[in-house]
Amino acid sequence: HVYTTTIVDLTKSAPAGSRFANPKDKGFVAHLDFDGLPIVGSFISQGMELYRSYDPATGRSKSAAHKSQEVAQVDQVRLLGDGGSKPLQRVSIKLKFDRRPIIG
């Protein structure tokens, strides 16, 4: 297996005030949880959404697609922050790629 980790920081990639969310009225995505983050154990192929964020000021959702041509399984989703009163802005998404060893 090969693992890759993606750090998502909404303070750098989305408008101020955005948060992770998968709103039902904005085209709910089945492989993402209600918080807009991928469900651990789910499989993601090229072009599928890796996460979604929602801007309550404009009512718009934004997502990022999985770019690799290989199918990956979500291994871990870690919440990064101090646990304070601020909304969650950073996460770590660890993906597992199933690669067979090639001898030679």
N, C-alpha and C. Protein backbone atom coordinates (compact mmCIF):
# COMPACT_ATOMS: atom_id res chain seq x y z
N HIS A 1 0.84 -1.20 0.00
CA HIS A 1 0.00 0.00 0.00
C HIS A 1 0.88 1.25 0.00
N VAL A 2 0.37 2.27 -0.62
CA VAL A 2 1.03 3.57 -0.63
C VAL A 2 0.05 4.57 -0.03
N TYR A 3 0.55 5.43 0.86
CA TYR A 3 -0.29 6.40 1.54
C TYR A 3 0.10 7.82 1.13
N THR A 4 -0.90 8.68 0.97
CA THR A 4 -0.65 10.10 0.75
C THR A 4 -1.53 10.88 1.71
N THR A 5 -1.03 12.01 2.14
CA THR A 5 -1.78 12.87 3.06
C THR A 5 -1.95 14.24 2.43
N THR A 6 -3.18 14.74 2.50
CA THR A 6 -3.50 16.07 1.99
C THR A 6 -3.95 16.93 3.16
N ILE A 7 -3.31 18.09 3.32
CA ILE A 7 -3.73 19.05 4.34
C ILE A 7 -4.62 20.08 3.65
N VAL A 8 -5.81 20.27 4.19
CA VAL A 8 -6.75 21.25 3.64
C VAL A 8 -6.89 22.38 4.66
N ASP A 9 -6.61 23.60 4.24
CA ASP A 9 -6.71 24.78 5.10
C ASP A 9 -7.68 25.77 4.45
N LEU A 10 -8.88 25.88 5.01
CA LEU A 10 -9.89 26.76 4.43
C LEU A 10 -9.51 28.23 4.51
N THR A 11 -8.64 28.59 5.45
CA THR A 11 -8.24 29.99 5.55
C THR A 11 -7.44 30.42 4.33
N LYS A 12 -6.86 29.45 3.59
CA LYS A 12 -6.07 29.75 2.40
C LYS A 12 -6.80 29.42 1.10
N SER A 13 -7.80 28.53 1.16
CA SER A 13 -8.41 28.07 -0.09
C SER A 13 -9.89 28.43 -0.25
N ALA A 14 -10.47 29.14 0.71
CA ALA A 14 -11.89 29.48 0.63
C ALA A 14 -12.12 30.87 1.21
N PRO A 15 -13.26 31.49 0.89
CA PRO A 15 -13.55 32.81 1.45
C PRO A 15 -13.64 32.79 2.98
N ALA A 16 -13.38 33.92 3.60
CA ALA A 16 -13.46 34.03 5.06
C ALA A 16 -14.85 33.63 5.53
N GLY A 17 -14.92 32.90 6.62
CA GLY A 17 -16.20 32.47 7.18
C GLY A 17 -16.66 31.12 6.66
N SER A 18 -15.95 30.55 5.68
CA SER A 18 -16.32 29.24 5.15
C SER A 18 -16.07 28.15 6.18
N ARG A 19 -16.81 27.07 6.04
CA ARG A 19 -16.63 25.92 6.92
C ARG A 19 -16.85 24.64 6.12
N PHE A 20 -16.38 23.53 6.64
CA PHE A 20 -16.61 22.25 5.99
C PHE A 20 -18.07 21.87 6.17
N ALA A 21 -18.75 21.53 5.08
CA ALA A 21 -20.15 21.14 5.15
C ALA A 21 -20.55 20.45 3.85
N ASN A 22 -21.59 19.62 3.95
CA ASN A 22 -22.17 18.94 2.81
C ASN A 22 -23.67 19.18 2.86
N PRO A 23 -24.12 20.40 2.53
CA PRO A 23 -25.53 20.74 2.70
C PRO A 23 -26.45 19.92 1.81
N LYS A 24 -27.56 19.46 2.39
CA LYS A 24 -28.51 18.64 1.64
C LYS A 24 -29.14 19.41 0.48
N ASP A 25 -29.40 20.68 0.68
CA ASP A 25 -30.07 21.46 -0.36
C ASP A 25 -29.13 21.95 -1.45
N LYS A 26 -27.86 21.67 -1.36
CA LYS A 26 -26.87 22.12 -2.35
C LYS A 26 -26.26 20.94 -3.11
N GLY A 27 -27.03 19.89 -3.36
CA GLY A 27 -26.50 18.74 -4.09
C GLY A 27 -25.68 17.84 -3.19
N PHE A 28 -26.31 17.21 -2.22
CA PHE A 28 -25.65 16.34 -1.24
C PHE A 28 -24.82 15.27 -1.96
N VAL A 29 -23.59 15.06 -1.49
CA VAL A 29 -22.68 14.07 -2.07
C VAL A 29 -22.64 12.86 -1.14
N ALA A 30 -22.99 11.67 -1.66
CA ALA A 30 -23.19 10.49 -0.83
C ALA A 30 -21.93 10.00 -0.12
N HIS A 31 -20.75 10.10 -0.75
CA HIS A 31 -19.54 9.57 -0.12
C HIS A 31 -18.89 10.55 0.87
N LEU A 32 -19.51 11.73 1.02
CA LEU A 32 -19.04 12.69 2.03
C LEU A 32 -20.03 12.69 3.19
N ASP A 33 -19.53 12.90 4.38
CA ASP A 33 -20.38 12.99 5.56
C ASP A 33 -21.05 14.36 5.61
N PHE A 34 -21.93 14.57 6.56
CA PHE A 34 -22.63 15.85 6.68
C PHE A 34 -21.67 17.01 6.93
N ASP A 35 -20.49 16.71 7.49
CA ASP A 35 -19.50 17.77 7.74
C ASP A 35 -18.68 18.12 6.51
N GLY A 36 -18.96 17.49 5.37
CA GLY A 36 -18.25 17.81 4.13
C GLY A 36 -16.94 17.08 3.96
N LEU A 37 -16.62 16.19 4.87
CA LEU A 37 -15.36 15.44 4.82
C LEU A 37 -15.65 14.01 4.39
N PRO A 38 -14.67 13.33 3.76
CA PRO A 38 -14.93 11.97 3.28
C PRO A 38 -15.12 10.99 4.44
N ILE A 39 -15.95 9.99 4.19
CA ILE A 39 -16.21 8.95 5.18
C ILE A 39 -15.04 7.97 5.16
N VAL A 40 -14.48 7.67 6.34
CA VAL A 40 -13.35 6.74 6.43
C VAL A 40 -13.80 5.38 5.90
N GLY A 41 -12.98 4.82 5.01
CA GLY A 41 -13.28 3.53 4.41
C GLY A 41 -13.91 3.65 3.03
N SER A 42 -14.37 4.83 2.66
CA SER A 42 -14.98 5.00 1.34
C SER A 42 -13.91 5.05 0.26
N PHE A 43 -14.30 4.69 -0.95
CA PHE A 43 -13.39 4.69 -2.10
C PHE A 43 -13.66 5.93 -2.94
N ILE A 44 -12.57 6.55 -3.40
CA ILE A 44 -12.67 7.77 -4.19
C ILE A 44 -11.87 7.57 -5.48
N SER A 45 -12.53 7.82 -6.60
CA SER A 45 -11.84 7.71 -7.88
C SER A 45 -11.66 9.10 -8.48
N GLN A 46 -10.94 9.17 -9.58
CA GLN A 46 -10.60 10.45 -10.20
C GLN A 46 -11.86 11.25 -10.50
N GLY A 47 -11.83 12.52 -10.12
CA GLY A 47 -12.95 13.42 -10.37
C GLY A 47 -13.98 13.50 -9.26
N MET A 48 -13.97 12.53 -8.34
CA MET A 48 -14.92 12.57 -7.22
C MET A 48 -14.48 13.63 -6.21
N GLU A 49 -15.43 14.19 -5.49
CA GLU A 49 -15.12 15.24 -4.52
C GLU A 49 -14.39 14.66 -3.31
N LEU A 50 -13.31 15.31 -2.93
CA LEU A 50 -12.53 14.90 -1.76
C LEU A 50 -13.07 15.56 -0.50
N TYR A 51 -13.55 16.79 -0.62
CA TYR A 51 -14.19 17.50 0.49
C TYR A 51 -15.04 18.62 -0.08
N ARG A 52 -15.92 19.17 0.76
CA ARG A 52 -16.74 20.33 0.37
C ARG A 52 -16.71 21.35 1.48
N SER A 53 -16.73 22.62 1.07
CA SER A 53 -16.85 23.70 2.03
C SER A 53 -18.06 24.55 1.65
N TYR A 54 -18.58 25.26 2.63
CA TYR A 54 -19.79 26.05 2.44
C TYR A 54 -19.55 27.45 2.99
N ASP A 55 -19.92 28.46 2.20
CA ASP A 55 -19.79 29.85 2.62
C ASP A 55 -21.19 30.35 2.98
N PRO A 56 -21.50 30.52 4.28
CA PRO A 56 -22.84 30.94 4.68
C PRO A 56 -23.19 32.36 4.22
N ALA A 57 -22.19 33.20 3.97
CA ALA A 57 -22.46 34.57 3.54
C ALA A 57 -23.06 34.60 2.13
N THR A 58 -22.56 33.74 1.25
CA THR A 58 -23.05 33.72 -0.13
C THR A 58 -23.99 32.56 -0.41
N GLY A 59 -23.97 31.54 0.46
CA GLY A 59 -24.80 30.36 0.25
C GLY A 59 -24.24 29.41 -0.79
N ARG A 60 -22.97 29.56 -1.13
CA ARG A 60 -22.35 28.72 -2.15
C ARG A 60 -21.48 27.63 -1.53
N SER A 61 -21.44 26.50 -2.21
CA SER A 61 -20.57 25.40 -1.83
C SER A 61 -19.40 25.33 -2.79
N LYS A 62 -18.26 24.88 -2.28
CA LYS A 62 -17.07 24.72 -3.09
C LYS A 62 -16.50 23.35 -2.76
N SER A 63 -15.97 22.67 -3.76
CA SER A 63 -15.41 21.35 -3.51
C SER A 63 -14.07 21.21 -4.22
N ALA A 64 -13.33 20.19 -3.81
CA ALA A 64 -12.06 19.87 -4.46
C ALA A 64 -12.13 18.41 -4.90
N ALA A 65 -11.70 18.15 -6.13
CA ALA A 65 -11.78 16.81 -6.69
C ALA A 65 -10.50 16.03 -6.46
N HIS A 66 -10.67 14.71 -6.40
CA HIS A 66 -9.54 13.78 -6.32
C HIS A 66 -8.89 13.75 -7.70
N LYS A 67 -7.61 14.05 -7.80
CA LYS A 67 -6.95 14.22 -9.09
C LYS A 67 -6.21 12.99 -9.60
N SER A 68 -5.88 12.09 -8.71
CA SER A 68 -5.12 10.91 -9.12
C SER A 68 -5.96 9.98 -10.00
N GLN A 69 -5.32 9.31 -10.94
CA GLN A 69 -6.02 8.36 -11.79
C GLN A 69 -6.31 7.05 -11.06
N GLU A 70 -5.62 6.83 -9.95
CA GLU A 70 -5.81 5.60 -9.18
C GLU A 70 -6.94 5.78 -8.17
N VAL A 71 -7.66 4.69 -7.94
CA VAL A 71 -8.70 4.69 -6.91
C VAL A 71 -8.03 4.64 -5.55
N ALA A 72 -8.51 5.45 -4.63
CA ALA A 72 -7.95 5.50 -3.28
C ALA A 72 -9.04 5.22 -2.25
N GLN A 73 -8.61 4.68 -1.11
CA GLN A 73 -9.52 4.47 0.01
C GLN A 73 -9.16 5.47 1.10
N VAL A 74 -10.17 6.09 1.68
CA VAL A 74 -9.93 7.06 2.76
C VAL A 74 -9.51 6.29 3.99
N ASP A 75 -8.29 6.53 4.46
CA ASP A 75 -7.74 5.81 5.61
C ASP A 75 -7.97 6.58 6.91
N GLN A 76 -7.75 7.89 6.90
CA GLN A 76 -7.91 8.71 8.11
C GLN A 76 -8.37 10.11 7.73
N VAL A 77 -9.16 10.71 8.62
CA VAL A 77 -9.50 12.12 8.53
C VAL A 77 -9.20 12.70 9.90
N ARG A 78 -8.25 13.60 9.96
CA ARG A 78 -7.87 14.22 11.24
C ARG A 78 -8.27 15.69 11.25
N LEU A 79 -8.81 16.10 12.37
CA LEU A 79 -9.19 17.49 12.56
C LEU A 79 -8.00 18.21 13.17
N LEU A 80 -7.53 19.26 12.53
CA LEU A 80 -6.36 20.00 13.00
C LEU A 80 -6.80 21.33 13.57
N GLY A 81 -6.47 21.57 14.79
CA GLY A 81 -6.83 22.83 15.42
C GLY A 81 -6.62 22.75 16.92
N ASP A 82 -6.98 23.82 17.60
CA ASP A 82 -6.77 23.86 19.04
C ASP A 82 -8.00 23.47 19.84
N GLY A 83 -9.11 23.15 19.16
CA GLY A 83 -10.32 22.75 19.86
C GLY A 83 -11.05 23.91 20.51
N GLY A 84 -10.71 25.12 20.12
CA GLY A 84 -11.34 26.30 20.70
C GLY A 84 -12.72 26.55 20.15
N SER A 85 -13.17 27.76 20.29
CA SER A 85 -14.52 28.11 19.87
C SER A 85 -14.61 28.46 18.38
N LYS A 86 -13.49 28.57 17.70
CA LYS A 86 -13.50 28.88 16.27
C LYS A 86 -13.97 27.67 15.46
N PRO A 87 -14.62 27.90 14.31
CA PRO A 87 -15.01 26.77 13.47
C PRO A 87 -13.79 26.05 12.90
N LEU A 88 -13.96 24.78 12.62
CA LEU A 88 -12.89 23.96 12.07
C LEU A 88 -12.45 24.51 10.73
N GLN A 89 -11.16 24.75 10.57
CA GLN A 89 -10.62 25.32 9.35
C GLN A 89 -9.55 24.45 8.68
N ARG A 90 -8.98 23.49 9.41
CA ARG A 90 -7.90 22.66 8.85
C ARG A 90 -8.17 21.19 9.13
N VAL A 91 -7.94 20.37 8.12
CA VAL A 91 -8.05 18.92 8.27
C VAL A 91 -6.91 18.24 7.52
N SER A 92 -6.66 17.00 7.88
CA SER A 92 -5.70 16.15 7.20
C SER A 92 -6.45 14.93 6.70
N ILE A 93 -6.36 14.67 5.40
CA ILE A 93 -7.04 13.52 4.79
C ILE A 93 -5.97 12.57 4.28
N LYS A 94 -5.95 11.35 4.84
CA LYS A 94 -4.95 10.35 4.46
C LYS A 94 -5.62 9.32 3.56
N LEU A 95 -5.06 9.14 2.37
CA LEU A 95 -5.59 8.20 1.39
C LEU A 95 -4.66 7.01 1.23
N LYS A 96 -5.27 5.83 1.02
CA LYS A 96 -4.49 4.60 0.83
C LYS A 96 -4.71 4.11 -0.60
N PHE A 97 -3.61 3.92 -1.31
CA PHE A 97 -3.65 3.39 -2.67
C PHE A 97 -3.17 1.95 -2.64
N ASP A 98 -3.91 1.05 -3.25
CA ASP A 98 -3.57 -0.36 -3.27
C ASP A 98 -2.71 -0.63 -4.50
N ARG A 99 -1.41 -0.74 -4.30
CA ARG A 99 -0.49 -1.01 -5.41
C ARG A 99 0.16 -2.36 -5.20
N ARG A 100 0.15 -3.14 -6.21
CA ARG A 100 0.80 -4.46 -6.18
C ARG A 100 2.29 -4.27 -6.40
N PRO A 101 3.11 -5.04 -5.69
CA PRO A 101 4.56 -4.92 -5.90
C PRO A 101 4.96 -5.41 -7.30
N ILE A 102 5.87 -4.68 -7.90
CA ILE A 102 6.39 -5.06 -9.23
C ILE A 102 7.85 -5.45 -9.05
N ILE A 103 8.14 -6.68 -9.35
CA ILE A 103 9.50 -7.17 -9.20
C ILE A 103 10.25 -6.97 -10.50
N GLY A 104 11.45 -6.44 -10.38
CA GLY A 104 12.24 -6.28 -11.58
C GLY A 104 13.00 -5.08 -11.55
